[in-house]
Amino acid sequence: GMESEQARAAARHLNRIHGRYRIPNDD
């Protein structure tokens, strides 16, 4: 479920990977 803690943990992990770079919001 997308409101579960597992979903949030996965989103934090993905954001941690992407956060290393400068990615335009349009992309």
PDB file of all heavy atoms in Angstrom:
ATOM      1  N   GLY A   1       0.832  -1.194   0.000  1.00  0.00           N
ATOM      2  CA  GLY A   1       0.000   0.000   0.000  1.00  0.00           C
ATOM      3  C   GLY A   1       0.863   1.240   0.000  1.00  0.00           C
ATOM      4  O   GLY A   1       1.910   1.299   0.670  1.00  0.00           O
ATOM      5  N   MET A   2       0.437   2.258  -0.710  1.00  0.00           N
ATOM      6  CA  MET A   2       1.270   3.435  -0.897  1.00  0.00           C
ATOM      7  C   MET A   2       1.285   4.366   0.297  1.00  0.00           C
ATOM      8  O   MET A   2       2.026   5.350   0.303  1.00  0.00           O
ATOM      9  CB  MET A   2       0.839   4.177  -2.162  1.00  0.00           C
ATOM     10  CG  MET A   2       0.900   3.300  -3.396  1.00  0.00           C
ATOM     11  SD  MET A   2       0.902   4.216  -4.944  1.00  0.00           S
ATOM     12  CE  MET A   2       2.557   4.898  -4.933  1.00  0.00           C
ATOM     13  N   GLU A   3       0.480   4.072   1.313  1.00  0.00           N
ATOM     14  CA  GLU A   3       0.546   4.844   2.555  1.00  0.00           C
ATOM     15  C   GLU A   3       1.253   4.062   3.655  1.00  0.00           C
ATOM     16  O   GLU A   3       1.291   4.496   4.806  1.00  0.00           O
ATOM     17  CB  GLU A   3      -0.868   5.223   3.016  1.00  0.00           C
ATOM     18  CG  GLU A   3      -1.676   5.975   1.972  1.00  0.00           C
ATOM     19  CD  GLU A   3      -0.941   7.188   1.423  1.00  0.00           C
ATOM     20  OE1 GLU A   3      -0.275   7.893   2.204  1.00  0.00           O
ATOM     21  OE2 GLU A   3      -1.025   7.417   0.199  1.00  0.00           O
ATOM     22  N   SER A   4       1.810   2.902   3.322  1.00  0.00           N
ATOM     23  CA  SER A   4       2.487   2.069   4.314  1.00  0.00           C
ATOM     24  C   SER A   4       3.878   2.607   4.617  1.00  0.00           C
ATOM     25  O   SER A   4       4.449   3.388   3.850  1.00  0.00           O
ATOM     26  CB  SER A   4       2.584   0.628   3.815  1.00  0.00           C
ATOM     27  OG  SER A   4       3.452   0.560   2.688  1.00  0.00           O
ATOM     28  N   GLU A   5       4.441   2.167   5.717  1.00  0.00           N
ATOM     29  CA  GLU A   5       5.799   2.563   6.060  1.00  0.00           C
ATOM     30  C   GLU A   5       6.796   2.002   5.057  1.00  0.00           C
ATOM     31  O   GLU A   5       7.828   2.619   4.772  1.00  0.00           O
ATOM     32  CB  GLU A   5       6.155   2.094   7.471  1.00  0.00           C
ATOM     33  CG  GLU A   5       7.586   2.402   7.906  1.00  0.00           C
ATOM     34  CD  GLU A   5       7.966   3.877   7.712  1.00  0.00           C
ATOM     35  OE1 GLU A   5       7.103   4.758   7.905  1.00  0.00           O
ATOM     36  OE2 GLU A   5       9.137   4.145   7.365  1.00  0.00           O
ATOM     37  N   GLN A   6       6.504   0.817   4.510  1.00  0.00           N
ATOM     38  CA  GLN A   6       7.394   0.248   3.506  1.00  0.00           C
ATOM     39  C   GLN A   6       7.467   1.139   2.269  1.00  0.00           C
ATOM     40  O   GLN A   6       8.541   1.350   1.704  1.00  0.00           O
ATOM     41  CB  GLN A   6       6.912  -1.150   3.110  1.00  0.00           C
ATOM     42  CG  GLN A   6       7.755  -1.837   2.055  1.00  0.00           C
ATOM     43  CD  GLN A   6       9.175  -2.112   2.524  1.00  0.00           C
ATOM     44  OE1 GLN A   6       9.410  -2.193   3.739  1.00  0.00           O
ATOM     45  NE2 GLN A   6      10.109  -2.236   1.604  1.00  0.00           N
ATOM     46  N   ALA A   7       6.319   1.671   1.827  1.00  0.00           N
ATOM     47  CA  ALA A   7       6.311   2.569   0.676  1.00  0.00           C
ATOM     48  C   ALA A   7       7.120   3.821   0.972  1.00  0.00           C
ATOM     49  O   ALA A   7       7.882   4.312   0.114  1.00  0.00           O
ATOM     50  CB  ALA A   7       4.876   2.929   0.300  1.00  0.00           C
ATOM     51  N   ARG A   8       6.985   4.351   2.171  1.00  0.00           N
ATOM     52  CA  ARG A   8       7.712   5.564   2.531  1.00  0.00           C
ATOM     53  C   ARG A   8       9.212   5.298   2.629  1.00  0.00           C
ATOM     54  O   ARG A   8      10.029   6.127   2.227  1.00  0.00           O
ATOM     55  CB  ARG A   8       7.171   6.127   3.841  1.00  0.00           C
ATOM     56  CG  ARG A   8       5.777   6.708   3.682  1.00  0.00           C
ATOM     57  CD  ARG A   8       5.185   7.205   5.002  1.00  0.00           C
ATOM     58  NE  ARG A   8       3.981   7.955   4.718  1.00  0.00           N
ATOM     59  CZ  ARG A   8       3.948   9.243   4.445  1.00  0.00           C
ATOM     60  NH1 ARG A   8       5.081   9.931   4.430  1.00  0.00           N
ATOM     61  NH2 ARG A   8       2.813   9.861   4.182  1.00  0.00           N
ATOM     62  N   ALA A   9       9.577   4.136   3.164  1.00  0.00           N
ATOM     63  CA  ALA A   9      10.997   3.793   3.247  1.00  0.00           C
ATOM     64  C   ALA A   9      11.601   3.669   1.846  1.00  0.00           C
ATOM     65  O   ALA A   9      12.723   4.121   1.595  1.00  0.00           O
ATOM     66  CB  ALA A   9      11.174   2.492   4.027  1.00  0.00           C
ATOM     67  N   ALA A  10      10.850   3.054   0.924  1.00  0.00           N
ATOM     68  CA  ALA A  10      11.328   2.933  -0.451  1.00  0.00           C
ATOM     69  C   ALA A  10      11.464   4.303  -1.104  1.00  0.00           C
ATOM     70  O   ALA A  10      12.416   4.558  -1.849  1.00  0.00           O
ATOM     71  CB  ALA A  10      10.384   2.045  -1.257  1.00  0.00           C
ATOM     72  N   ALA A  11      10.507   5.197  -0.842  1.00  0.00           N
ATOM     73  CA  ALA A  11      10.577   6.539  -1.418  1.00  0.00           C
ATOM     74  C   ALA A  11      11.777   7.307  -0.860  1.00  0.00           C
ATOM     75  O   ALA A  11      12.482   8.008  -1.610  1.00  0.00           O
ATOM     76  CB  ALA A  11       9.283   7.294  -1.138  1.00  0.00           C
ATOM     77  N   ARG A  12      12.049   7.191   0.441  1.00  0.00           N
ATOM     78  CA  ARG A  12      13.220   7.862   1.017  1.00  0.00           C
ATOM     79  C   ARG A  12      14.509   7.322   0.388  1.00  0.00           C
ATOM     80  O   ARG A  12      15.445   8.072   0.108  1.00  0.00           O
ATOM     81  CB  ARG A  12      13.261   7.658   2.531  1.00  0.00           C
ATOM     82  CG  ARG A  12      12.138   8.337   3.299  1.00  0.00           C
ATOM     83  CD  ARG A  12      12.349   8.203   4.806  1.00  0.00           C
ATOM     84  NE  ARG A  12      11.075   8.271   5.504  1.00  0.00           N
ATOM     85  CZ  ARG A  12      10.443   7.231   6.027  1.00  0.00           C
ATOM     86  NH1 ARG A  12      10.989   6.017   5.955  1.00  0.00           N
ATOM     87  NH2 ARG A  12       9.289   7.382   6.630  1.00  0.00           N
ATOM     88  N   HIS A  13      14.549   6.017   0.184  1.00  0.00           N
ATOM     89  CA  HIS A  13      15.739   5.407  -0.417  1.00  0.00           C
ATOM     90  C   HIS A  13      15.924   5.897  -1.856  1.00  0.00           C
ATOM     91  O   HIS A  13      17.039   6.249  -2.266  1.00  0.00           O
ATOM     92  CB  HIS A  13      15.583   3.885  -0.393  1.00  0.00           C
ATOM     93  CG  HIS A  13      16.774   3.143  -0.905  1.00  0.00           C
ATOM     94  ND1 HIS A  13      18.033   3.249  -0.346  1.00  0.00           N
ATOM     95  CD2 HIS A  13      16.903   2.277  -1.954  1.00  0.00           C
ATOM     96  CE1 HIS A  13      18.882   2.477  -1.017  1.00  0.00           C
ATOM     97  NE2 HIS A  13      18.220   1.885  -1.998  1.00  0.00           N
ATOM     98  N   LEU A  14      14.845   5.947  -2.619  1.00  0.00           N
ATOM     99  CA  LEU A  14      14.932   6.436  -4.002  1.00  0.00           C
ATOM    100  C   LEU A  14      15.337   7.898  -4.029  1.00  0.00           C
ATOM    101  O   LEU A  14      16.179   8.311  -4.843  1.00  0.00           O
ATOM    102  CB  LEU A  14      13.584   6.235  -4.691  1.00  0.00           C
ATOM    103  CG  LEU A  14      13.507   6.632  -6.166  1.00  0.00           C
ATOM    104  CD1 LEU A  14      14.493   5.830  -6.996  1.00  0.00           C
ATOM    105  CD2 LEU A  14      12.094   6.434  -6.691  1.00  0.00           C
ATOM    106  N   ASN A  15      14.768   8.695  -3.134  1.00  0.00           N
ATOM    107  CA  ASN A  15      15.124  10.113  -3.078  1.00  0.00           C
ATOM    108  C   ASN A  15      16.580  10.306  -2.669  1.00  0.00           C
ATOM    109  O   ASN A  15      17.239  11.257  -3.101  1.00  0.00           O
ATOM    110  CB  ASN A  15      14.197  10.843  -2.112  1.00  0.00           C
ATOM    111  CG  ASN A  15      12.767  10.914  -2.615  1.00  0.00           C
ATOM    112  OD1 ASN A  15      12.494  10.642  -3.774  1.00  0.00           O
ATOM    113  ND2 ASN A  15      11.841  11.274  -1.742  1.00  0.00           N
ATOM    114  N   ARG A  16      17.077   9.411  -1.820  1.00  0.00           N
ATOM    115  CA  ARG A  16      18.489   9.484  -1.430  1.00  0.00           C
ATOM    116  C   ARG A  16      19.390   9.273  -2.650  1.00  0.00           C
ATOM    117  O   ARG A  16      20.409   9.963  -2.802  1.00  0.00           O
ATOM    118  CB  ARG A  16      18.774   8.431  -0.361  1.00  0.00           C
ATOM    119  CG  ARG A  16      20.247   8.201  -0.100  1.00  0.00           C
ATOM    120  CD  ARG A  16      20.504   7.408   1.160  1.00  0.00           C
ATOM    121  NE  ARG A  16      19.914   6.084   1.135  1.00  0.00           N
ATOM    122  CZ  ARG A  16      19.992   5.230   2.161  1.00  0.00           C
ATOM    123  NH1 ARG A  16      20.603   5.603   3.281  1.00  0.00           N
ATOM    124  NH2 ARG A  16      19.444   4.041   2.074  1.00  0.00           N
ATOM    125  N   ILE A  17      19.022   8.336  -3.513  1.00  0.00           N
ATOM    126  CA  ILE A  17      19.816   8.091  -4.721  1.00  0.00           C
ATOM    127  C   ILE A  17      19.753   9.296  -5.656  1.00  0.00           C
ATOM    128  O   ILE A  17      20.774   9.812  -6.123  1.00  0.00           O
ATOM    129  CB  ILE A  17      19.319   6.825  -5.435  1.00  0.00           C
ATOM    130  CG1 ILE A  17      19.543   5.593  -4.543  1.00  0.00           C
ATOM    131  CG2 ILE A  17      20.024   6.647  -6.780  1.00  0.00           C
ATOM    132  CD1 ILE A  17      18.866   4.339  -5.066  1.00  0.00           C
ATOM    133  N   HIS A  18      18.530   9.768  -5.923  1.00  0.00           N
ATOM    134  CA  HIS A  18      18.370  10.899  -6.839  1.00  0.00           C
ATOM    135  C   HIS A  18      18.944  12.187  -6.267  1.00  0.00           C
ATOM    136  O   HIS A  18      19.347  13.078  -7.021  1.00  0.00           O
ATOM    137  CB  HIS A  18      16.885  11.107  -7.143  1.00  0.00           C
ATOM    138  CG  HIS A  18      16.298  10.046  -8.018  1.00  0.00           C
ATOM    139  ND1 HIS A  18      14.942   9.846  -8.135  1.00  0.00           N
ATOM    140  CD2 HIS A  18      16.875   9.119  -8.821  1.00  0.00           C
ATOM    141  CE1 HIS A  18      14.711   8.852  -8.964  1.00  0.00           C
ATOM    142  NE2 HIS A  18      15.872   8.397  -9.405  1.00  0.00           N
ATOM    143  N   GLY A  19      18.976  12.307  -4.940  1.00  0.00           N
ATOM    144  CA  GLY A  19      19.423  13.550  -4.321  1.00  0.00           C
ATOM    145  C   GLY A  19      20.875  13.873  -4.553  1.00  0.00           C
ATOM    146  O   GLY A  19      21.310  14.992  -4.287  1.00  0.00           O
ATOM    147  N   ARG A  20      21.629  12.913  -5.040  1.00  0.00           N
ATOM    148  CA  ARG A  20      23.038  13.183  -5.316  1.00  0.00           C
ATOM    149  C   ARG A  20      23.218  14.060  -6.552  1.00  0.00           C
ATOM    150  O   ARG A  20      24.278  14.643  -6.772  1.00  0.00           O
ATOM    151  CB  ARG A  20      23.773  11.849  -5.521  1.00  0.00           C
ATOM    152  CG  ARG A  20      25.275  11.980  -5.694  1.00  0.00           C
ATOM    153  CD  ARG A  20      25.930  10.624  -5.812  1.00  0.00           C
ATOM    154  NE  ARG A  20      27.375  10.739  -5.897  1.00  0.00           N
ATOM    155  CZ  ARG A  20      28.196   9.715  -5.995  1.00  0.00           C
ATOM    156  NH1 ARG A  20      27.717   8.488  -6.008  1.00  0.00           N
ATOM    157  NH2 ARG A  20      29.503   9.893  -6.065  1.00  0.00           N
ATOM    158  N   TYR A  21      22.181  14.147  -7.373  1.00  0.00           N
ATOM    159  CA  TYR A  21      22.304  14.790  -8.669  1.00  0.00           C
ATOM    160  C   TYR A  21      21.341  15.953  -8.810  1.00  0.00           C
ATOM    161  O   TYR A  21      20.369  16.069  -8.072  1.00  0.00           O
ATOM    162  CB  TYR A  21      22.048  13.772  -9.777  1.00  0.00           C
ATOM    163  CG  TYR A  21      22.818  12.499  -9.621  1.00  0.00           C
ATOM    164  CD1 TYR A  21      22.176  11.312  -9.300  1.00  0.00           C
ATOM    165  CD2 TYR A  21      24.203  12.489  -9.768  1.00  0.00           C
ATOM    166  CE1 TYR A  21      22.897  10.137  -9.145  1.00  0.00           C
ATOM    167  CE2 TYR A  21      24.918  11.318  -9.614  1.00  0.00           C
ATOM    168  CZ  TYR A  21      24.262  10.148  -9.302  1.00  0.00           C
ATOM    169  OH  TYR A  21      24.975   8.992  -9.145  1.00  0.00           O
ATOM    170  N   ARG A  22      21.591  16.778  -9.806  1.00  0.00           N
ATOM    171  CA  ARG A  22      20.711  17.892 -10.133  1.00  0.00           C
ATOM    172  C   ARG A  22      19.809  17.466 -11.291  1.00  0.00           C
ATOM    173  O   ARG A  22      20.245  17.456 -12.442  1.00  0.00           O
ATOM    174  CB  ARG A  22      21.528  19.128 -10.509  1.00  0.00           C
ATOM    175  CG  ARG A  22      22.433  19.628  -9.383  1.00  0.00           C
ATOM    176  CD  ARG A  22      23.226  20.853  -9.834  1.00  0.00           C
ATOM    177  NE  ARG A  22      24.045  21.364  -8.750  1.00  0.00           N
ATOM    178  CZ  ARG A  22      25.305  21.005  -8.538  1.00  0.00           C
ATOM    179  NH1 ARG A  22      25.886  20.136  -9.337  1.00  0.00           N
ATOM    180  NH2 ARG A  22      25.988  21.513  -7.536  1.00  0.00           N
ATOM    181  N   ILE A  23      18.571  17.109 -10.988  1.00  0.00           N
ATOM    182  CA  ILE A  23      17.642  16.603 -11.998  1.00  0.00           C
ATOM    183  C   ILE A  23      16.506  17.613 -12.135  1.00  0.00           C
ATOM    184  O   ILE A  23      15.818  17.903 -11.151  1.00  0.00           O
ATOM    185  CB  ILE A  23      17.072  15.230 -11.593  1.00  0.00           C
ATOM    186  CG1 ILE A  23      18.211  14.248 -11.307  1.00  0.00           C
ATOM    187  CG2 ILE A  23      16.150  14.689 -12.686  1.00  0.00           C
ATOM    188  CD1 ILE A  23      17.736  12.902 -10.807  1.00  0.00           C
ATOM    189  N   PRO A  24      16.269  18.150 -13.311  1.00  0.00           N
ATOM    190  CA  PRO A  24      15.167  19.099 -13.490  1.00  0.00           C
ATOM    191  C   PRO A  24      13.816  18.441 -13.197  1.00  0.00           C
ATOM    192  O   PRO A  24      13.601  17.268 -13.510  1.00  0.00           O
ATOM    193  CB  PRO A  24      15.279  19.515 -14.966  1.00  0.00           C
ATOM    194  CG  PRO A  24      16.682  19.191 -15.361  1.00  0.00           C
ATOM    195  CD  PRO A  24      17.065  17.990 -14.556  1.00  0.00           C
ATOM    196  N   ASN A  25      12.922  19.207 -12.620  1.00  0.00           N
ATOM    197  CA  ASN A  25      11.591  18.691 -12.325  1.00  0.00           C
ATOM    198  C   ASN A  25      10.870  18.234 -13.593  1.00  0.00           C
ATOM    199  O   ASN A  25      10.111  17.251 -13.576  1.00  0.00           O
ATOM    200  CB  ASN A  25      10.757  19.759 -11.616  1.00  0.00           C
ATOM    201  CG  ASN A  25       9.455  19.218 -11.070  1.00  0.00           C
ATOM    202  OD1 ASN A  25       9.425  18.471 -10.093  1.00  0.00           O
ATOM    203  ND2 ASN A  25       8.343  19.587 -11.690  1.00  0.00           N
ATOM    204  N   ASP A  26      11.106  18.917 -14.721  1.00  0.00           N
ATOM    205  CA  ASP A  26      10.486  18.517 -15.989  1.00  0.00           C
ATOM    206  C   ASP A  26      10.873  17.096 -16.384  1.00  0.00           C
ATOM    207  O   ASP A  26      10.057  16.351 -16.936  1.00  0.00           O
ATOM    208  CB  ASP A  26      10.890  19.479 -17.105  1.00  0.00           C
ATOM    209  CG  ASP A  26      10.143  20.804 -17.038  1.00  0.00           C
ATOM    210  OD1 ASP A  26       9.237  20.916 -16.189  1.00  0.00           O
ATOM    211  OD2 ASP A  26      10.461  21.704 -17.819  1.00  0.00           O
ATOM    212  N   ASP A  27      12.134  16.711 -16.123  1.00  0.00           N
ATOM    213  CA  ASP A  27      12.567  15.361 -16.466  1.00  0.00           C
ATOM    214  C   ASP A  27      11.899  14.325 -15.561  1.00  0.00           C
ATOM    215  O   ASP A  27      11.509  13.249 -16.016  1.00  0.00           O
ATOM    216  CB  ASP A  27      14.087  15.251 -16.362  1.00  0.00           C
ATOM    217  CG  ASP A  27      14.801  16.043 -17.449  1.00  0.00           C
ATOM    218  OD1 ASP A  27      14.109  16.590 -18.338  1.00  0.00           O
ATOM    219  OD2 ASP A  27      16.039  16.132 -17.410  1.00  0.00           O
TER     220      ASP A  27
END
